[in-house]
Amino acid sequence: MNTLKGLHHVTAITSSAEKNYEFFTYTLGMRLVKKTVNQDDIQTYHLFFADDTGSPGTDMTFFDFPGIPKGRHGNDEIYKTSFRVPSDDALAYWEKRFNERQVSHTGIKEQWGIKTLSFVDFDDQQYQLISDEHNSGVASGTAWQNGPVPVEYAITGLGPIFVRVANIEAFSLYMQKVLGFEQQGKEGSFTLFEVGEGGNGASVIVEHNTVLPPAQQGFGTVHHAAFRVHDRDALNHWIERLNQFQIPNSGHVDRHFFESLYARATSRILFEFATDGPGFMGDEPYETLGEKLSLPPFLEEKREEIEAAVRHIDTTRSTKDLTNE
């Protein structure tokens, strides 16, 4: 029960929460399951996009730090996030959808025999769709049932994250000896690692690069990525394990929607360990997930101050007809 179960969420930085909401809701068809604030910076929105019910392993989340500059992609960076779709046919649908909506993409390609489609958003944040057609391993989530994308083509969860490092030997050692990943294959400068049940939902792809300068965090880049652990007992196991390896870490952090632990893999790469529960449906019904400003109990007494500090974003969808396209 203490083995990492796969990817939990990826958190990135956007230049505009409003544009981010529009892109993920109406172009990507991912459901906003929680509209809240950064618990360490309450003037900053924290938006959670996921599957139909906000299942662990399906979340892409965003901060919109006021005034932050644009980031620079480079070395020692989590630089691309993947989203799972059900089939190869789904990728053909998405290629057409991106063309119609003028979303910049690479066209359908293949890596380790799996078809993929890479694209970027308005911030040059880097993403990839990956086909689950021949996938086995960690189960994916459930497509947003009332979203704008037909469920047979819709995004169902997170796929592999891409990490770029200069010191591949040290990072590979960390992945295998500390985190328990297994190396599954190599293609050129890319190495595939999997953990737990494996598959698209439990993979990290590491690119070895000695040419690019160090990455610089800002909007358009990933802030951190999180791995799933079963519960608080498993989280305590990972706190003890990191301490045994003398790896500096945050210790237990209560994020209300899940419990967490943070530790750096390199000076610029931050990993989180997050529990599967409690989840996002404790304070909002299924029908209106993500429509109100949700605050954890320890911030509720500051609601008036927070609502005055963050601008209003209308995320109401329950009264709208999001016709499948």
Protein backbone atom coordinates (compact mmCIF):
# COMPACT_ATOMS: atom_id res chain seq x y z
CA MET A 1 0.00 0.00 0.00
CA ASN A 2 3.03 2.30 0.32
CA THR A 3 4.10 2.08 -3.33
CA LEU A 4 3.44 5.17 -5.41
CA LYS A 5 0.21 4.60 -7.37
CA GLY A 6 0.97 6.86 -10.32
CA LEU A 7 0.35 10.50 -11.13
CA HIS A 8 -1.96 12.50 -8.88
CA HIS A 9 -1.94 16.00 -10.39
CA VAL A 10 0.22 18.54 -12.19
CA THR A 11 0.21 22.20 -11.16
CA ALA A 12 1.30 24.90 -13.61
CA ILE A 13 1.31 28.69 -13.80
CA THR A 14 -0.90 30.72 -16.12
CA SER A 15 -0.86 34.38 -17.13
CA SER A 16 -4.66 34.55 -17.01
CA ALA A 17 -7.09 32.48 -14.94
CA GLU A 18 -9.88 33.67 -17.23
CA LYS A 19 -8.21 32.51 -20.46
CA ASN A 20 -7.11 29.34 -18.72
CA TYR A 21 -10.69 28.56 -17.69
CA GLU A 22 -11.97 29.17 -21.22
CA PHE A 23 -9.25 27.03 -22.84
CA PHE A 24 -9.60 24.05 -20.52
CA THR A 25 -13.39 24.14 -20.38
CA TYR A 26 -14.39 24.87 -23.95
CA THR A 27 -11.39 23.70 -26.00
CA LEU A 28 -10.06 20.76 -23.97
CA GLY A 29 -13.38 19.78 -22.40
CA MET A 30 -11.95 19.19 -18.92
CA ARG A 31 -14.25 19.91 -16.00
CA LEU A 32 -13.45 22.66 -13.49
CA VAL A 33 -14.02 20.73 -10.25
CA LYS A 34 -12.66 23.31 -7.82
CA LYS A 35 -12.22 27.08 -7.91
CA THR A 36 -10.19 28.06 -4.88
CA VAL A 37 -7.08 30.06 -3.93
CA ASN A 38 -3.45 29.20 -3.37
CA GLN A 39 -3.34 28.35 0.31
CA ASP A 40 0.09 29.97 0.62
CA ASP A 41 -0.86 33.09 -1.38
CA ILE A 42 -4.56 33.84 -0.93
CA GLN A 43 -4.59 36.58 -3.59
CA THR A 44 -3.88 33.94 -6.22
CA TYR A 45 -6.51 31.72 -7.82
CA HIS A 46 -5.99 27.96 -7.86
CA LEU A 47 -8.12 26.24 -10.51
CA PHE A 48 -8.49 22.45 -10.67
CA PHE A 49 -9.50 20.81 -13.98
CA ALA A 50 -10.14 17.08 -13.93
CA ASP A 51 -12.48 14.30 -15.00
CA ASP A 52 -16.22 14.12 -14.32
CA THR A 53 -15.90 13.82 -10.53
CA GLY A 54 -12.36 15.06 -9.83
CA SER A 55 -10.79 11.61 -9.49
CA PRO A 56 -7.15 11.42 -8.33
CA GLY A 57 -4.83 11.06 -11.30
CA THR A 58 -6.90 13.35 -13.53
CA ASP A 59 -6.15 16.85 -12.18
CA MET A 60 -4.38 19.65 -14.03
CA THR A 61 -4.27 22.70 -11.78
CA PHE A 62 -3.16 26.31 -12.23
CA PHE A 63 -1.92 29.27 -10.23
CA ASP A 64 -2.16 32.79 -11.64
CA PHE A 65 0.46 34.65 -9.60
CA PRO A 66 -0.05 38.42 -10.12
CA GLY A 67 2.78 40.08 -12.05
CA ILE A 68 4.89 36.96 -12.57
CA PRO A 69 7.02 37.06 -15.77
CA LYS A 70 6.87 34.51 -18.56
CA GLY A 71 8.88 31.39 -17.83
CA ARG A 72 11.66 29.94 -19.95
CA HIS A 73 11.76 26.26 -20.88
CA GLY A 74 15.11 24.57 -20.37
CA ASN A 75 16.96 22.05 -18.25
CA ASP A 76 15.93 20.73 -14.83
CA GLU A 77 12.26 21.21 -15.60
CA ILE A 78 8.97 19.32 -15.72
CA TYR A 79 8.27 20.65 -19.17
CA LYS A 80 5.30 18.79 -20.66
CA THR A 81 2.07 17.28 -19.30
CA SER A 82 0.14 14.50 -21.02
CA PHE A 83 -3.60 13.87 -21.06
CA ARG A 84 -5.11 10.46 -21.78
CA VAL A 85 -7.73 9.92 -24.48
CA PRO A 86 -9.47 6.59 -25.18
CA SER A 87 -8.17 5.67 -28.63
CA ASP A 88 -6.13 6.44 -31.72
CA ASP A 89 -9.34 7.64 -33.37
CA ALA A 90 -9.69 10.19 -30.59
CA LEU A 91 -6.37 11.72 -31.62
CA ALA A 92 -7.67 12.22 -35.16
CA TYR A 93 -10.70 14.01 -33.69
CA TRP A 94 -8.41 16.25 -31.62
CA GLU A 95 -6.15 17.06 -34.55
CA LYS A 96 -9.19 18.32 -36.44
CA ARG A 97 -10.49 20.19 -33.37
CA PHE A 98 -7.13 21.92 -32.85
CA ASN A 99 -7.02 22.95 -36.50
CA GLU A 100 -10.51 24.43 -36.28
CA ARG A 101 -9.67 26.30 -33.08
CA GLN A 102 -6.19 27.40 -34.22
CA VAL A 103 -4.39 25.55 -31.43
CA SER A 104 -0.73 25.05 -32.37
CA HIS A 105 0.20 21.35 -32.51
CA THR A 106 2.76 18.93 -33.96
CA GLY A 107 0.42 16.49 -35.66
CA ILE A 108 0.08 12.86 -34.59
CA LYS A 109 3.37 11.15 -33.77
CA GLU A 110 4.47 7.94 -32.07
CA GLN A 111 6.73 7.13 -29.12
CA TRP A 112 7.29 3.62 -27.74
CA GLY A 113 4.61 2.46 -30.17
CA ILE A 114 1.99 4.79 -28.65
CA LYS A 115 0.32 7.53 -30.68
CA THR A 116 0.50 11.07 -29.31
CA LEU A 117 -0.39 14.64 -30.27
CA SER A 118 1.60 17.51 -28.74
CA PHE A 119 0.22 21.05 -28.49
CA VAL A 120 0.62 24.34 -26.62
CA ASP A 121 -1.75 26.88 -25.10
CA PHE A 122 -1.74 30.71 -25.19
CA ASP A 123 1.14 30.80 -22.67
CA ASP A 124 3.30 28.28 -24.57
CA GLN A 125 2.54 25.76 -21.82
CA GLN A 126 3.41 22.38 -23.33
CA TYR A 127 1.00 19.44 -23.43
CA GLN A 128 0.48 16.11 -25.14
CA LEU A 129 -2.53 13.90 -25.77
CA ILE A 130 -1.74 10.20 -25.53
CA SER A 131 -3.82 7.28 -26.78
CA ASP A 132 -4.96 4.61 -24.30
CA GLU A 133 -5.88 2.23 -27.15
CA HIS A 134 -3.24 -0.37 -26.22
CA ASN A 135 -2.65 0.81 -22.66
CA SER A 136 -2.68 -1.38 -19.58
CA GLY A 137 -1.93 -0.44 -16.01
CA VAL A 138 -3.43 2.31 -13.88
CA ALA A 139 -7.06 2.88 -14.78
CA SER A 140 -8.04 6.28 -16.12
CA GLY A 141 -10.88 8.49 -14.96
CA THR A 142 -14.29 9.20 -16.48
CA ALA A 143 -14.85 11.75 -19.22
CA TRP A 144 -16.88 14.84 -18.33
CA GLN A 145 -20.39 13.58 -19.09
CA ASN A 146 -21.91 16.98 -19.85
CA GLY A 147 -18.88 18.63 -21.42
CA PRO A 148 -18.40 20.02 -24.94
CA VAL A 149 -16.38 17.03 -26.22
CA PRO A 150 -18.05 13.70 -27.11
CA VAL A 151 -17.24 11.20 -24.35
CA GLU A 152 -15.77 8.69 -26.82
CA TYR A 153 -13.00 11.21 -27.60
CA ALA A 154 -12.75 13.16 -24.34
CA ILE A 155 -9.80 13.49 -21.97
CA THR A 156 -10.02 11.03 -19.07
CA GLY A 157 -6.92 11.72 -16.98
CA LEU A 158 -3.22 12.44 -16.78
CA GLY A 159 -0.64 10.65 -18.87
CA PRO A 160 3.15 10.73 -18.62
CA ILE A 161 4.93 13.85 -17.46
CA PHE A 162 8.11 14.89 -19.29
CA VAL A 163 11.18 15.91 -17.31
CA ARG A 164 14.36 17.36 -18.82
CA VAL A 165 17.68 17.03 -16.95
CA ALA A 166 21.39 17.44 -17.63
CA ASN A 167 22.52 14.87 -15.05
CA ILE A 168 20.65 11.79 -16.21
CA GLU A 169 22.64 9.40 -14.00
CA ALA A 170 21.76 11.18 -10.74
CA PHE A 171 18.13 11.67 -11.71
CA SER A 172 17.70 8.04 -12.80
CA LEU A 173 19.15 6.93 -9.47
CA TYR A 174 16.66 9.14 -7.63
CA MET A 175 13.73 7.81 -9.65
CA GLN A 176 14.64 4.17 -9.06
CA LYS A 177 16.30 4.00 -5.64
CA VAL A 178 14.24 6.65 -3.85
CA LEU A 179 10.85 6.71 -5.61
CA GLY A 180 10.72 3.06 -6.70
CA PHE A 181 10.21 3.60 -10.44
CA GLU A 182 11.45 1.00 -12.92
CA GLN A 183 13.13 1.82 -16.22
CA GLN A 184 11.01 0.43 -19.06
CA GLY A 185 12.78 1.60 -22.20
CA LYS A 186 14.90 4.15 -24.06
CA GLU A 187 14.39 5.99 -27.35
CA GLY A 188 17.24 8.31 -28.25
CA SER A 189 17.64 10.84 -25.43
CA PHE A 190 14.38 9.75 -23.74
CA THR A 191 14.05 7.20 -20.92
CA LEU A 192 10.68 5.81 -19.82
CA PHE A 193 10.08 5.09 -16.14
CA GLU A 194 6.96 3.48 -14.64
CA VAL A 195 5.77 2.84 -11.09
CA GLY A 196 3.11 0.67 -9.45
CA GLU A 197 0.71 -0.83 -12.00
CA GLY A 198 2.43 1.18 -14.73
CA GLY A 199 0.92 2.38 -17.98
CA ASN A 200 0.16 5.89 -19.17
CA GLY A 201 -1.12 7.01 -15.76
CA ALA A 202 2.03 6.00 -13.90
CA SER A 203 4.84 7.08 -16.23
CA VAL A 204 7.58 9.68 -16.24
CA ILE A 205 9.59 10.31 -19.41
CA VAL A 206 13.03 11.78 -18.76
CA GLU A 207 14.89 13.64 -21.50
CA HIS A 208 18.67 13.89 -21.22
CA ASN A 209 19.84 17.30 -22.46
CA THR A 210 23.19 18.98 -21.90
CA VAL A 211 22.68 21.89 -24.31
CA LEU A 212 19.79 23.96 -23.00
CA PRO A 213 20.31 26.49 -20.20
CA PRO A 214 18.49 26.01 -16.89
CA ALA A 215 14.75 26.58 -17.01
CA GLN A 216 13.26 29.66 -15.41
CA GLN A 217 9.88 29.34 -13.73
CA GLY A 218 7.09 31.73 -14.68
CA PHE A 219 3.77 31.63 -16.48
CA GLY A 220 3.74 28.97 -19.17
CA THR A 221 5.72 26.50 -17.05
CA VAL A 222 4.95 23.72 -14.58
CA HIS A 223 5.22 24.51 -10.87
CA HIS A 224 5.24 20.91 -9.60
CA ALA A 225 3.92 17.41 -10.23
CA ALA A 226 2.35 15.09 -7.66
CA PHE A 227 2.33 11.33 -7.25
CA ARG A 228 -0.54 9.37 -5.71
CA VAL A 229 -0.28 7.68 -2.32
CA HIS A 230 -3.10 5.70 -0.77
CA ASP A 231 -3.70 7.50 2.52
CA ARG A 232 -2.12 9.31 5.47
CA ASP A 233 -0.29 6.17 6.63
CA ALA A 234 1.32 5.84 3.19
CA LEU A 235 2.22 9.52 3.29
CA ASN A 236 3.92 9.01 6.65
CA HIS A 237 5.89 6.16 5.10
CA TRP A 238 7.19 8.54 2.43
CA ILE A 239 8.11 11.17 5.01
CA GLU A 240 10.17 8.53 6.82
CA ARG A 241 11.70 7.29 3.57
CA LEU A 242 12.82 10.75 2.46
CA ASN A 243 14.26 11.38 5.91
CA GLN A 244 16.18 8.08 5.70
CA PHE A 245 17.74 9.30 2.44
CA GLN A 246 18.37 12.68 4.11
CA ILE A 247 16.29 14.41 1.44
CA PRO A 248 14.91 17.77 2.68
CA ASN A 249 11.11 17.78 2.63
CA SER A 250 8.10 19.70 3.88
CA GLY A 251 6.74 17.04 6.18
CA HIS A 252 2.96 16.62 6.33
CA VAL A 253 0.88 19.42 4.79
CA ASP A 254 -2.94 19.45 5.01
CA ARG A 255 -4.42 20.74 1.72
CA HIS A 256 -7.98 19.82 2.82
CA PHE A 257 -8.85 18.21 -0.54
CA PHE A 258 -5.90 15.86 0.00
CA GLU A 259 -2.88 15.58 2.28
CA SER A 260 0.57 16.28 0.94
CA LEU A 261 4.33 16.10 1.22
CA TYR A 262 6.81 18.10 -0.91
CA ALA A 263 10.43 17.40 -1.82
CA ARG A 264 12.77 18.59 -4.57
CA ALA A 265 14.31 16.12 -6.98
CA THR A 266 16.66 18.82 -8.29
CA SER A 267 17.02 22.50 -7.48
CA ARG A 268 14.21 23.31 -9.95
CA ILE A 269 12.08 20.15 -9.99
CA LEU A 270 9.51 19.90 -7.20
CA PHE A 271 7.60 16.69 -6.57
CA GLU A 272 4.60 16.30 -4.29
CA PHE A 273 3.16 13.15 -2.75
CA ALA A 274 -0.63 13.45 -2.34
CA THR A 275 -3.31 11.19 -0.87
CA ASP A 276 -6.22 9.97 -2.97
CA GLY A 277 -8.77 11.52 -0.61
CA PRO A 278 -10.82 13.19 0.71
CA GLY A 279 -11.42 14.67 -2.79
CA PHE A 280 -13.35 17.61 -4.20
CA MET A 281 -17.01 16.78 -3.58
CA GLY A 282 -17.21 17.44 0.16
CA ASP A 283 -18.45 21.03 -0.08
CA GLU A 284 -20.16 21.14 -3.50
CA PRO A 285 -22.72 18.87 -5.17
CA TYR A 286 -21.81 17.04 -8.38
CA GLU A 287 -24.09 19.23 -10.48
CA THR A 288 -22.29 22.51 -9.65
CA LEU A 289 -18.69 21.47 -9.00
CA GLY A 290 -16.31 24.39 -9.48
CA GLU A 291 -18.97 27.06 -9.76
CA LYS A 292 -18.42 28.81 -6.43
CA LEU A 293 -15.27 30.00 -4.66
CA SER A 294 -14.43 27.04 -2.45
CA LEU A 295 -12.27 27.60 0.62
CA PRO A 296 -10.87 25.05 3.09
CA PRO A 297 -12.16 25.46 6.66
CA PHE A 298 -8.96 27.17 7.84
CA LEU A 299 -9.49 29.95 5.27
CA GLU A 300 -13.26 30.28 5.59
CA GLU A 301 -12.98 32.99 8.26
CA LYS A 302 -11.03 35.07 5.71
CA ARG A 303 -13.66 34.67 2.95
CA GLU A 304 -14.62 38.35 2.89
CA GLU A 305 -10.97 39.41 2.62
CA ILE A 306 -10.23 36.81 -0.06
CA GLU A 307 -13.29 37.62 -2.17
CA ALA A 308 -12.26 41.29 -2.08
CA ALA A 309 -8.72 40.42 -3.19
CA VAL A 310 -9.44 38.08 -6.12
CA ARG A 311 -11.49 39.28 -9.08
CA HIS A 312 -14.72 37.51 -9.87
CA ILE A 313 -14.62 34.79 -12.54
CA ASP A 314 -17.94 33.40 -13.75
CA THR A 315 -17.56 29.61 -13.89
CA THR A 316 -21.26 28.73 -13.98
CA ARG A 317 -21.94 25.85 -16.37
CA SER A 318 -24.87 23.99 -14.81
CA THR A 319 -27.33 26.42 -16.41
CA LYS A 320 -25.67 26.33 -19.84
CA ASP A 321 -26.00 23.92 -22.73
CA LEU A 322 -22.46 22.74 -23.55
CA THR A 323 -23.29 21.08 -26.82
CA ASN A 324 -20.96 18.30 -27.90
CA GLU A 325 -18.95 19.34 -30.93
